[in-house]
C-alpha atoms as a PDB file:
ATOM      1  CA  MET A   1      11.991   0.957  17.678  1.00  0.00           C
ATOM      2  CA  ALA A   2      14.960  -0.359  15.396  1.00  0.00           C
ATOM      3  CA  THR A   3      17.015   1.896  12.860  1.00  0.00           C
ATOM      4  CA  VAL A   4      17.795   0.760   9.514  1.00  0.00           C
ATOM      5  CA  LEU A   5      20.503   2.605   7.321  1.00  0.00           C
ATOM      6  CA  VAL A   6      19.428   2.383   3.458  1.00  0.00           C
ATOM      7  CA  VAL A   7      22.524   3.051   1.522  1.00  0.00           C
ATOM      8  CA  ASP A   8      22.223   3.183  -2.393  1.00  0.00           C
ATOM      9  CA  ASP A   9      23.503   6.119  -4.602  1.00  0.00           C
ATOM     10  CA  SER A  10      20.120   5.844  -6.661  1.00  0.00           C
ATOM     11  CA  ALA A  11      17.443   8.460  -5.355  1.00  0.00           C
ATOM     12  CA  VAL A  12      14.873   6.331  -7.084  1.00  0.00           C
ATOM     13  CA  ASP A  13      16.143   3.097  -5.343  1.00  0.00           C
ATOM     14  CA  ARG A  14      16.516   4.517  -1.785  1.00  0.00           C
ATOM     15  CA  ARG A  15      12.752   5.793  -2.184  1.00  0.00           C
ATOM     16  CA  LEU A  16      11.777   2.422  -3.285  1.00  0.00           C
ATOM     17  CA  VAL A  17      13.631   0.579  -0.384  1.00  0.00           C
ATOM     18  CA  GLY A  18      12.154   3.149   2.060  1.00  0.00           C
ATOM     19  CA  GLY A  19       8.657   2.712   0.857  1.00  0.00           C
ATOM     20  CA  LEU A  20       8.832  -1.321   1.320  1.00  0.00           C
ATOM     21  CA  LEU A  21      10.200  -0.884   4.670  1.00  0.00           C
ATOM     22  CA  GLU A  22       8.297   2.048   6.280  1.00  0.00           C
ATOM     23  CA  LYS A  23       5.322  -0.164   6.652  1.00  0.00           C
ATOM     24  CA  ASP A  24       6.813  -1.663   9.416  1.00  0.00           C
ATOM     25  CA  SER A  25       6.139   0.935  12.320  1.00  0.00           C
ATOM     26  CA  GLU A  26       8.647  -0.126  14.429  1.00  0.00           C
ATOM     27  CA  LEU A  27      11.426   0.779  12.138  1.00  0.00           C
ATOM     28  CA  THR A  28      13.049   4.292  11.756  1.00  0.00           C
ATOM     29  CA  LEU A  29      14.852   4.629   8.619  1.00  0.00           C
ATOM     30  CA  ASN A  30      17.804   6.590   7.615  1.00  0.00           C
ATOM     31  CA  TYR A  31      19.678   7.076   4.336  1.00  0.00           C
ATOM     32  CA  ALA A  32      23.334   7.498   2.821  1.00  0.00           C
ATOM     33  CA  VAL A  33      24.163   7.999  -0.547  1.00  0.00           C
ATOM     34  CA  ASP A  34      27.253   5.858  -0.842  1.00  0.00           C
ATOM     35  CA  GLY A  35      29.493   4.055   1.344  1.00  0.00           C
ATOM     36  CA  ALA A  36      31.748   6.730   2.396  1.00  0.00           C
ATOM     37  CA  ASP A  37      28.337   8.512   3.467  1.00  0.00           C
ATOM     38  CA  ALA A  38      26.896   5.557   5.326  1.00  0.00           C
ATOM     39  CA  LEU A  39      30.395   4.943   7.186  1.00  0.00           C
ATOM     40  CA  ALA A  40      30.105   8.321   8.568  1.00  0.00           C
ATOM     41  CA  LYS A  41      26.597   8.015   9.602  1.00  0.00           C
ATOM     42  CA  ILE A  42      27.393   4.633  11.240  1.00  0.00           C
ATOM     43  CA  GLU A  43      30.433   6.210  13.105  1.00  0.00           C
ATOM     44  CA  ASP A  44      28.261   9.170  14.361  1.00  0.00           C
ATOM     45  CA  SER A  45      25.220   6.737  15.429  1.00  0.00           C
ATOM     46  CA  PRO A  46      25.502   2.827  14.760  1.00  0.00           C
ATOM     47  CA  PRO A  47      21.883   1.784  13.565  1.00  0.00           C
ATOM     48  CA  ASP A  48      20.832  -1.855  14.213  1.00  0.00           C
ATOM     49  CA  LEU A  49      20.748  -2.912  10.638  1.00  0.00           C
ATOM     50  CA  VAL A  50      22.086  -1.824   7.205  1.00  0.00           C
ATOM     51  CA  VAL A  51      20.768  -2.431   3.924  1.00  0.00           C
ATOM     52  CA  THR A  52      23.187  -1.649   0.869  1.00  0.00           C
ATOM     53  CA  ASP A  53      23.489  -1.498  -2.762  1.00  0.00           C
ATOM     54  CA  LEU A  54      27.033  -2.843  -3.996  1.00  0.00           C
ATOM     55  CA  VAL A  55      27.748  -0.854  -6.880  1.00  0.00           C
ATOM     56  CA  MET A  56      28.291   2.390  -5.621  1.00  0.00           C
ATOM     57  CA  PRO A  57      30.793   5.746  -5.928  1.00  0.00           C
ATOM     58  CA  GLU A  58      33.346   6.505  -3.260  1.00  0.00           C
ATOM     59  CA  MET A  59      33.061   3.406  -1.365  1.00  0.00           C
ATOM     60  CA  ASP A  60      31.115   0.494  -2.878  1.00  0.00           C
ATOM     61  CA  GLY A  61      29.268  -2.067  -0.803  1.00  0.00           C
ATOM     62  CA  LEU A  62      32.057  -4.710  -0.688  1.00  0.00           C
ATOM     63  CA  THR A  63      34.255  -2.394   1.101  1.00  0.00           C
ATOM     64  CA  LEU A  64      31.540  -1.020   3.234  1.00  0.00           C
ATOM     65  CA  VAL A  65      30.670  -4.498   4.439  1.00  0.00           C
ATOM     66  CA  ALA A  66      34.157  -5.230   5.487  1.00  0.00           C
ATOM     67  CA  THR A  67      34.553  -2.200   7.119  1.00  0.00           C
ATOM     68  CA  VAL A  68      31.542  -2.504   9.203  1.00  0.00           C
ATOM     69  CA  LYS A  69      32.201  -6.102  10.089  1.00  0.00           C
ATOM     70  CA  ASN A  70      35.882  -4.644  11.321  1.00  0.00           C
ATOM     71  CA  ARG A  71      34.541  -1.746  13.248  1.00  0.00           C
ATOM     72  CA  PHE A  72      31.062  -2.223  14.295  1.00  0.00           C
ATOM     73  CA  SER A  73      30.584  -6.309  14.369  1.00  0.00           C
ATOM     74  CA  LEU A  74      27.136  -6.301  16.076  1.00  0.00           C
ATOM     75  CA  VAL A  75      25.834  -4.100  13.060  1.00  0.00           C
ATOM     76  CA  PRO A  76      24.796  -6.704  10.371  1.00  0.00           C
ATOM     77  CA  VAL A  77      24.420  -5.918   6.665  1.00  0.00           C
ATOM     78  CA  ILE A  78      21.981  -7.026   4.231  1.00  0.00           C
ATOM     79  CA  LEU A  79      23.058  -6.923   0.513  1.00  0.00           C
ATOM     80  CA  MET A  80      20.924  -5.476  -2.447  1.00  0.00           C
ATOM     81  CA  THR A  81      22.012  -7.415  -5.578  1.00  0.00           C
ATOM     82  CA  SER A  82      21.484  -7.024  -8.821  1.00  0.00           C
ATOM     83  CA  LYS A  83      22.185  -8.406 -12.317  1.00  0.00           C
ATOM     84  CA  GLY A  84      25.971  -7.835 -12.981  1.00  0.00           C
ATOM     85  CA  SER A  85      27.087  -7.856  -9.437  1.00  0.00           C
ATOM     86  CA  GLU A  86      26.931 -11.302  -8.793  1.00  0.00           C
ATOM     87  CA  GLU A  87      30.965 -11.931  -8.413  1.00  0.00           C
ATOM     88  CA  LEU A  88      31.118  -8.804  -5.994  1.00  0.00           C
ATOM     89  CA  ALA A  89      28.014  -9.985  -4.293  1.00  0.00           C
ATOM     90  CA  VAL A  90      29.906 -13.574  -3.298  1.00  0.00           C
ATOM     91  CA  GLN A  91      32.757 -11.637  -2.114  1.00  0.00           C
ATOM     92  CA  ALA A  92      30.494  -9.621   0.281  1.00  0.00           C
ATOM     93  CA  LEU A  93      29.351 -12.442   1.881  1.00  0.00           C
ATOM     94  CA  GLN A  94      32.517 -13.806   2.610  1.00  0.00           C
ATOM     95  CA  ALA A  95      33.258 -10.512   3.865  1.00  0.00           C
ATOM     96  CA  GLY A  96      30.866 -10.392   6.446  1.00  0.00           C
ATOM     97  CA  ALA A  97      27.570  -9.381   5.100  1.00  0.00           C
ATOM     98  CA  ALA A  98      24.430 -11.311   7.030  1.00  0.00           C
ATOM     99  CA  SER A  99      22.288 -11.628   3.948  1.00  0.00           C
ATOM    100  CA  TYR A 100      21.353 -10.684   0.498  1.00  0.00           C
ATOM    101  CA  VAL A 101      18.002  -9.907  -1.555  1.00  0.00           C
ATOM    102  CA  PRO A 102      17.976  -9.910  -5.097  1.00  0.00           C
ATOM    103  CA  LYS A 103      16.806  -6.346  -6.423  1.00  0.00           C
ATOM    104  CA  HIS A 104      14.164  -7.840  -8.501  1.00  0.00           C
ATOM    105  CA  THR A 105      12.547  -9.564  -5.629  1.00  0.00           C
ATOM    106  CA  LEU A 106      12.745  -6.603  -3.121  1.00  0.00           C
ATOM    107  CA  ALA A 107       8.997  -6.373  -3.055  1.00  0.00           C
ATOM    108  CA  THR A 108       8.522  -9.884  -1.801  1.00  0.00           C
ATOM    109  CA  ARG A 109      11.836 -10.602  -0.109  1.00  0.00           C
ATOM    110  CA  LEU A 110      13.469  -7.540   1.670  1.00  0.00           C
ATOM    111  CA  ALA A 111      11.054  -6.685   4.461  1.00  0.00           C
ATOM    112  CA  ASP A 112      11.048 -10.511   5.534  1.00  0.00           C
ATOM    113  CA  THR A 113      14.863 -10.800   4.941  1.00  0.00           C
ATOM    114  CA  VAL A 114      15.144  -7.597   7.399  1.00  0.00           C
ATOM    115  CA  ARG A 115      13.054  -8.891  10.282  1.00  0.00           C
ATOM    116  CA  ASN A 116      14.822 -12.044  10.121  1.00  0.00           C
ATOM    117  CA  VAL A 117      18.420 -10.787  10.118  1.00  0.00           C
ATOM    118  CA  MET A 118      17.074  -8.098  12.750  1.00  0.00           C
ATOM    119  CA  ALA A 119      15.600 -10.912  15.069  1.00  0.00           C
ATOM    120  CA  VAL A 120      18.749 -13.029  14.912  1.00  0.00           C
ATOM    121  CA  SER A 121      20.727  -9.879  15.618  1.00  0.00           C
ATOM    122  CA  SER A 122      18.842  -9.051  18.684  1.00  0.00           C
ATOM    123  CA  LYS A 123      18.995 -12.452  20.223  1.00  0.00           C
ATOM    124  CA  GLN A 124      22.698 -12.217  19.750  1.00  0.00           C
ATOM    125  CA  ARG A 125      23.115  -8.772  21.623  1.00  0.00           C
ATOM    126  CA  SER A 126      21.194 -10.098  24.508  1.00  0.00           C
ATOM    127  CA  HIS A 127      22.734 -13.411  24.900  1.00  0.00           C
ATOM    128  CA  SER A 128      23.608 -14.546  28.519  1.00  0.00           C
ATOM    129  CA  ARG A 129      27.241 -14.903  29.800  1.00  0.00           C
ATOM    130  CA  LEU A 130      26.109 -16.603  33.023  1.00  0.00           C
ATOM    131  CA  MET A 131      27.231 -20.132  31.757  1.00  0.00           C
ATOM    132  CA  GLY A 132      31.097 -19.049  30.761  1.00  0.00           C
ATOM    133  CA  SER A 133      32.375 -22.111  32.332  1.00  0.00           C
ATOM    134  CA  MET A 134      30.552 -24.448  30.294  1.00  0.00           C
ATOM    135  CA  THR A 135      32.845 -26.756  28.129  1.00  0.00           C
ATOM    136  CA  ARG A 136      30.647 -29.288  26.195  1.00  0.00           C
ATOM    137  CA  SER A 137      26.846 -29.451  25.291  1.00  0.00           C
ATOM    138  CA  ASN A 138      25.084 -31.946  23.862  1.00  0.00           C
ATOM    139  CA  CYS A 139      21.261 -32.269  22.978  1.00  0.00           C
ATOM    140  CA  THR A 140      18.804 -33.118  20.750  1.00  0.00           C
ATOM    141  CA  PHE A 141      15.384 -31.672  19.499  1.00  0.00           C
ATOM    142  CA  GLU A 142      12.151 -33.137  17.958  1.00  0.00           C
ATOM    143  CA  LEU A 143      10.215 -30.099  16.604  1.00  0.00           C
ATOM    144  CA  GLU A 144       6.687 -29.877  15.199  1.00  0.00           C
ATOM    145  CA  ASN A 145       6.072 -28.009  11.579  1.00  0.00           C
ATOM    146  CA  ASP A 146       5.859 -24.803  13.520  1.00  0.00           C
ATOM    147  CA  SER A 147       8.081 -21.748  12.494  1.00  0.00           C
ATOM    148  CA  ALA A 148       7.432 -20.303  15.673  1.00  0.00           C
ATOM    149  CA  LEU A 149      10.170 -22.676  17.009  1.00  0.00           C
ATOM    150  CA  ILE A 150      13.031 -21.873  14.792  1.00  0.00           C
ATOM    151  CA  GLY A 151      13.794 -18.795  16.351  1.00  0.00           C
ATOM    152  CA  PRO A 152      14.102 -19.981  20.014  1.00  0.00           C
ATOM    153  CA  LEU A 153      16.245 -22.804  18.812  1.00  0.00           C
ATOM    154  CA  ILE A 154      18.385 -20.595  17.020  1.00  0.00           C
ATOM    155  CA  SER A 155      18.925 -18.218  20.321  1.00  0.00           C
ATOM    156  CA  TYR A 156      19.863 -21.424  22.129  1.00  0.00           C
ATOM    157  CA  VAL A 157      22.555 -22.562  19.815  1.00  0.00           C
ATOM    158  CA  GLN A 158      23.766 -18.944  19.491  1.00  0.00           C
ATOM    159  CA  GLU A 159      23.900 -18.558  23.307  1.00  0.00           C
ATOM    160  CA  ASP A 160      25.625 -21.670  23.847  1.00  0.00           C
ATOM    161  CA  CYS A 161      28.317 -20.808  21.235  1.00  0.00           C
ATOM    162  CA  THR A 162      28.901 -17.551  22.899  1.00  0.00           C
ATOM    163  CA  HIS A 163      29.374 -19.273  26.066  1.00  0.00           C
ATOM    164  CA  LEU A 164      31.908 -21.551  24.713  1.00  0.00           C
ATOM    165  CA  ASN A 165      33.710 -18.267  22.635  1.00  0.00           C
ATOM    166  CA  LEU A 166      33.575 -20.108  19.313  1.00  0.00           C
ATOM    167  CA  TYR A 167      33.052 -16.881  17.605  1.00  0.00           C
ATOM    168  CA  ASP A 168      32.621 -13.459  17.383  1.00  0.00           C
ATOM    169  CA  ASP A 169      29.291 -11.189  17.740  1.00  0.00           C
ATOM    170  CA  SER A 170      28.992 -10.766  13.728  1.00  0.00           C
ATOM    171  CA  GLU A 171      29.672 -14.191  13.518  1.00  0.00           C
ATOM    172  CA  GLY A 172      27.010 -15.282  15.533  1.00  0.00           C
ATOM    173  CA  THR A 173      24.558 -13.329  13.558  1.00  0.00           C
ATOM    174  CA  ARG A 174      25.910 -15.041  10.454  1.00  0.00           C
ATOM    175  CA  VAL A 175      25.820 -18.564  12.147  1.00  0.00           C
ATOM    176  CA  GLY A 176      22.144 -17.694  13.234  1.00  0.00           C
ATOM    177  CA  VAL A 177      21.042 -17.036   9.280  1.00  0.00           C
ATOM    178  CA  ALA A 178      22.789 -20.223   8.195  1.00  0.00           C
ATOM    179  CA  LEU A 179      20.621 -21.989  10.794  1.00  0.00           C
ATOM    180  CA  GLU A 180      17.261 -20.156  10.253  1.00  0.00           C
ATOM    181  CA  GLU A 181      17.813 -21.202   6.564  1.00  0.00           C
ATOM    182  CA  ALA A 182      18.652 -24.773   7.165  1.00  0.00           C
ATOM    183  CA  LEU A 183      15.861 -25.285   9.582  1.00  0.00           C
ATOM    184  CA  ALA A 184      13.364 -23.274   7.180  1.00  0.00           C
ATOM    185  CA  ASN A 185      14.635 -25.440   4.335  1.00  0.00           C
ATOM    186  CA  ALA A 186      13.585 -28.762   6.489  1.00  0.00           C
ATOM    187  CA  LEU A 187      10.336 -27.498   7.647  1.00  0.00           C
ATOM    188  CA  TYR A 188       8.961 -26.063   3.799  1.00  0.00           C
ATOM    189  CA  HIS A 189      10.867 -27.929   1.457  1.00  0.00           C
ATOM    190  CA  GLY A 190      11.546 -31.110   3.311  1.00  0.00           C
ATOM    191  CA  ASN A 191       8.209 -31.798   5.637  1.00  0.00           C
ATOM    192  CA  LEU A 192       5.765 -29.807   3.722  1.00  0.00           C
ATOM    193  CA  GLU A 193       7.231 -30.527   0.439  1.00  0.00           C
ATOM    194  CA  VAL A 194       6.582 -26.811  -0.867  1.00  0.00           C
ATOM    195  CA  ASP A 195       8.993 -26.044  -4.113  1.00  0.00           C
ATOM    196  CA  SER A 196      11.344 -22.917  -3.711  1.00  0.00           C
ATOM    197  CA  GLU A 197      10.475 -22.072  -7.218  1.00  0.00           C
ATOM    198  CA  LEU A 198       6.908 -21.725  -6.336  1.00  0.00           C
ATOM    199  CA  ARG A 199       7.937 -18.824  -4.216  1.00  0.00           C
ATOM    200  CA  GLU A 200       9.671 -17.175  -6.873  1.00  0.00           C
ATOM    201  CA  ARG A 201       6.858 -17.172  -9.047  1.00  0.00           C
ATOM    202  CA  ASP A 202       4.197 -16.460  -6.561  1.00  0.00           C
ATOM    203  CA  ASP A 203       4.945 -15.548  -2.851  1.00  0.00           C
ATOM    204  CA  SER A 204       1.634 -15.537  -1.489  1.00  0.00           C
ATOM    205  CA  SER A 205       0.756 -18.951  -3.218  1.00  0.00           C
ATOM    206  CA  TYR A 206       3.905 -20.351  -1.505  1.00  0.00           C
ATOM    207  CA  TRP A 207       2.812 -19.527   1.873  1.00  0.00           C
ATOM    208  CA  LYS A 208      -0.825 -20.424   1.107  1.00  0.00           C
ATOM    209  CA  LEU A 209       0.321 -23.762   0.457  1.00  0.00           C
ATOM    210  CA  ALA A 210       2.638 -24.374   3.629  1.00  0.00           C
ATOM    211  CA  GLU A 211      -0.211 -23.445   5.688  1.00  0.00           C
ATOM    212  CA  GLU A 212      -2.708 -25.783   4.130  1.00  0.00           C
ATOM    213  CA  ARG A 213      -0.159 -28.826   4.017  1.00  0.00           C
ATOM    214  CA  ALA A 214       0.639 -28.129   7.737  1.00  0.00           C
ATOM    215  CA  GLY A 215      -2.722 -29.146   8.725  1.00  0.00           C
ATOM    216  CA  ARG A 216      -3.221 -32.156   6.617  1.00  0.00           C
ATOM    217  CA  ASP A 217      -1.988 -35.781   5.797  1.00  0.00           C
ATOM    218  CA  PRO A 218       0.830 -37.059   5.281  1.00  0.00           C
ATOM    219  CA  TYR A 219       2.660 -33.747   6.241  1.00  0.00           C
ATOM    220  CA  LYS A 220       0.954 -32.757   9.556  1.00  0.00           C
ATOM    221  CA  ASP A 221       2.687 -35.342  11.681  1.00  0.00           C
ATOM    222  CA  ARG A 222       6.090 -35.160  10.256  1.00  0.00           C
ATOM    223  CA  ARG A 223       8.992 -33.858  12.534  1.00  0.00           C
ATOM    224  CA  ILE A 224      12.222 -31.895  12.300  1.00  0.00           C
ATOM    225  CA  HIS A 225      15.247 -33.802  14.211  1.00  0.00           C
ATOM    226  CA  VAL A 226      17.970 -31.582  15.154  1.00  0.00           C
ATOM    227  CA  SER A 227      21.225 -32.745  16.996  1.00  0.00           C
ATOM    228  CA  VAL A 228      23.227 -29.944  18.464  1.00  0.00           C
ATOM    229  CA  GLU A 229      26.912 -30.840  19.811  1.00  0.00           C
ATOM    230  CA  LEU A 230      28.830 -28.111  21.080  1.00  0.00           C
ATOM    231  CA  SER A 231      32.499 -27.830  22.570  1.00  0.00           C
ATOM    232  CA  ARG A 232      35.126 -25.178  23.009  1.00  0.00           C
ATOM    233  CA  ASP A 233      36.588 -26.250  19.316  1.00  0.00           C
ATOM    234  CA  GLU A 234      33.254 -26.452  17.059  1.00  0.00           C
ATOM    235  CA  ALA A 235      29.680 -26.454  17.001  1.00  0.00           C
ATOM    236  CA  VAL A 236      28.024 -29.592  14.839  1.00  0.00           C
ATOM    237  CA  ILE A 237      24.327 -28.829  14.059  1.00  0.00           C
ATOM    238  CA  THR A 238      22.473 -31.900  12.241  1.00  0.00           C
ATOM    239  CA  ILE A 239      19.528 -31.154  11.081  1.00  0.00           C
ATOM    240  CA  GLY A 240      16.816 -33.816   9.298  1.00  0.00           C
ATOM    241  CA  ASP A 241      13.455 -33.804   8.336  1.00  0.00           C
ATOM    242  CA  GLU A 242      11.035 -36.680   7.318  1.00  0.00           C
ATOM    243  CA  GLY A 243      10.107 -35.510   3.972  1.00  0.00           C
ATOM    244  CA  PRO A 244      11.151 -37.739   0.782  1.00  0.00           C
ATOM    245  CA  GLY A 245      14.816 -35.994   0.492  1.00  0.00           C
ATOM    246  CA  PHE A 246      16.458 -34.880  -2.787  1.00  0.00           C
ATOM    247  CA  ASP A 247      19.721 -35.669  -4.949  1.00  0.00           C
ATOM    248  CA  PRO A 248      22.479 -33.542  -3.093  1.00  0.00           C
ATOM    249  CA  SER A 249      24.597 -34.185  -6.271  1.00  0.00           C
ATOM    250  CA  LYS A 250      22.142 -32.207  -8.452  1.00  0.00           C
ATOM    251  CA  LEU A 251      22.587 -28.946  -6.332  1.00  0.00           C
ATOM    252  CA  PRO A 252      23.522 -25.850  -8.156  1.00  0.00           C
ATOM    253  CA  ASP A 253      27.431 -24.734  -7.368  1.00  0.00           C
ATOM    254  CA  PRO A 254      26.308 -21.622  -4.753  1.00  0.00           C
ATOM    255  CA  THR A 255      29.658 -20.241  -5.310  1.00  0.00           C
ATOM    256  CA  ASP A 256      29.293 -19.826  -9.139  1.00  0.00           C
ATOM    257  CA  PRO A 257      27.828 -16.184  -9.171  1.00  0.00           C
ATOM    258  CA  ALA A 258      25.737 -16.873 -12.103  1.00  0.00           C
ATOM    259  CA  ASN A 259      23.760 -18.897  -9.430  1.00  0.00           C
ATOM    260  CA  LEU A 260      23.584 -16.116  -7.203  1.00  0.00           C
ATOM    261  CA  GLU A 261      19.582 -15.155  -8.311  1.00  0.00           C
ATOM    262  CA  MET A 262      18.573 -18.624  -8.110  1.00  0.00           C
ATOM    263  CA  ALA A 263      15.705 -19.508  -5.605  1.00  0.00           C
ATOM    264  CA  SER A 264      17.183 -23.068  -4.947  1.00  0.00           C
ATOM    265  CA  GLY A 265      20.796 -21.801  -4.376  1.00  0.00           C
ATOM    266  CA  ARG A 266      20.170 -18.939  -2.055  1.00  0.00           C
ATOM    267  CA  GLY A 267      19.892 -20.836   1.124  1.00  0.00           C
ATOM    268  CA  ILE A 268      22.890 -23.380   0.032  1.00  0.00           C
ATOM    269  CA  LEU A 269      25.382 -20.287  -0.613  1.00  0.00           C
ATOM    270  CA  LEU A 270      24.355 -18.257   2.834  1.00  0.00           C
ATOM    271  CA  MET A 271      24.972 -21.863   4.839  1.00  0.00           C
ATOM    272  CA  ARG A 272      28.261 -22.543   3.160  1.00  0.00           C
ATOM    273  CA  THR A 273      29.754 -18.851   3.081  1.00  0.00           C
ATOM    274  CA  PHE A 274      28.848 -18.615   6.907  1.00  0.00           C
ATOM    275  CA  MET A 275      29.524 -22.175   8.177  1.00  0.00           C
ATOM    276  CA  THR A 276      33.191 -23.856   8.073  1.00  0.00           C
ATOM    277  CA  GLU A 277      31.630 -27.178   6.357  1.00  0.00           C
ATOM    278  CA  VAL A 278      28.149 -28.086   5.184  1.00  0.00           C
ATOM    279  CA  ARG A 279      27.513 -31.744   4.603  1.00  0.00           C
ATOM    280  CA  TYR A 280      24.199 -33.321   3.222  1.00  0.00           C
ATOM    281  CA  ASN A 281      23.421 -37.409   3.884  1.00  0.00           C
ATOM    282  CA  ASP A 282      22.786 -39.475   0.432  1.00  0.00           C
ATOM    283  CA  ASP A 283      19.048 -39.034   0.806  1.00  0.00           C
ATOM    284  CA  GLY A 284      19.137 -35.119   1.122  1.00  0.00           C
ATOM    285  CA  ASN A 285      16.767 -35.076   3.920  1.00  0.00           C
ATOM    286  CA  GLN A 286      19.538 -34.437   6.367  1.00  0.00           C
ATOM    287  CA  VAL A 287      22.311 -31.529   6.777  1.00  0.00           C
ATOM    288  CA  THR A 288      25.055 -31.171   9.270  1.00  0.00           C
ATOM    289  CA  LEU A 289      26.443 -27.596   9.650  1.00  0.00           C
ATOM    290  CA  ILE A 290      29.943 -27.315  11.383  1.00  0.00           C
ATOM    291  CA  LYS A 291      31.153 -24.022  12.713  1.00  0.00           C
ATOM    292  CA  ARG A 292      35.012 -24.635  14.022  1.00  0.00           C
ATOM    293  CA  ARG A 293      36.507 -22.264  16.563  1.00  0.00           C
ATOM    294  CA  ASN A 294      38.346 -19.291  15.004  1.00  0.00           C
ATOM    295  CA  ALA A 295      37.404 -20.052  11.537  1.00  0.00           C
ATOM    296  CA  SER A 296      35.963 -17.210   9.596  1.00  0.00           C
ATOM    297  CA  GLY A 297      33.222 -19.441   8.156  1.00  0.00           C
ATOM    298  CA  ASN A 298      33.718 -17.555   4.870  1.00  0.00           C
ATOM    299  CA  SER A 299      35.237 -21.314   3.251  1.00  0.00           C
ATOM    300  CA  PRO A 300      32.460 -22.019   0.215  1.00  0.00           C
ATOM    301  CA  GLN A 301      34.187 -25.586  -0.079  1.00  0.00           C
ATOM    302  CA  GLY A 302      31.843 -27.484   2.291  1.00  0.00           C
ATOM    303  CA  GLU A 303      31.285 -30.638   0.485  1.00  0.00           C
ATOM    304  CA  ASN A 304      28.116 -32.625   0.190  1.00  0.00           C
ATOM    305  CA  SER A 305      28.235 -36.457   1.084  1.00  0.00           C
END
């Protein structure tokens, strides 16, 4: 059983979030009415994950995120964002939050986001330290269009980065989230050519189309190509797909709070916030994620190239 602490000063919203998450029999839910209440509960008994609103009395979500990252680095925090809180949400992601879900998409996105972040965090907590003497690692992967391969690959990268002491535990979760976004983009938007805007309009149609295309030409034989180069100074992960690509120059600016609610900008924002640098090739079918040693990963100035 995993414990999730839901933090919101609105009783209605707490009930809404609780109702969405209690469908998962493997989750135990606790509640807090604001950041100060949440921090007291975390100090008493740290949960496995925190889901918090941003705008609250006493202690807001931004302060809560920064405090949890500093004092409880193994506890990831997911933000619930609403119209008007976009700039604060960007600051909270930069301060250490693991992901976010716009409130108007809670019904379709919250449970998946909680599961994904929980899985990444769990892998990070259970990493092996048997290869602590490793100084460099280089390898390549050619993945089928199977989402079941994403988790193990992320776990592999996290584990080796831990051996090399590239970052602390909380940054390991954030790097895992960035990799999950990049690999999912390569699979669904790249190889299977499923538009992210379809998920915004109709979640079930999005997954149905992805499943159909995974079994037919020309999509089924496409592969995801991953290169992982790790040293004690940096991690360089290049992820390419065999889809038609896109024009990287037309990506929305993910650092602009006005774009926080856009489906097409969510993954880009998370990757650029959590990694030191993010680069695209000219064809838009390959992305390189770079995480440098001791870098906070919260610089949003990664260049497209």
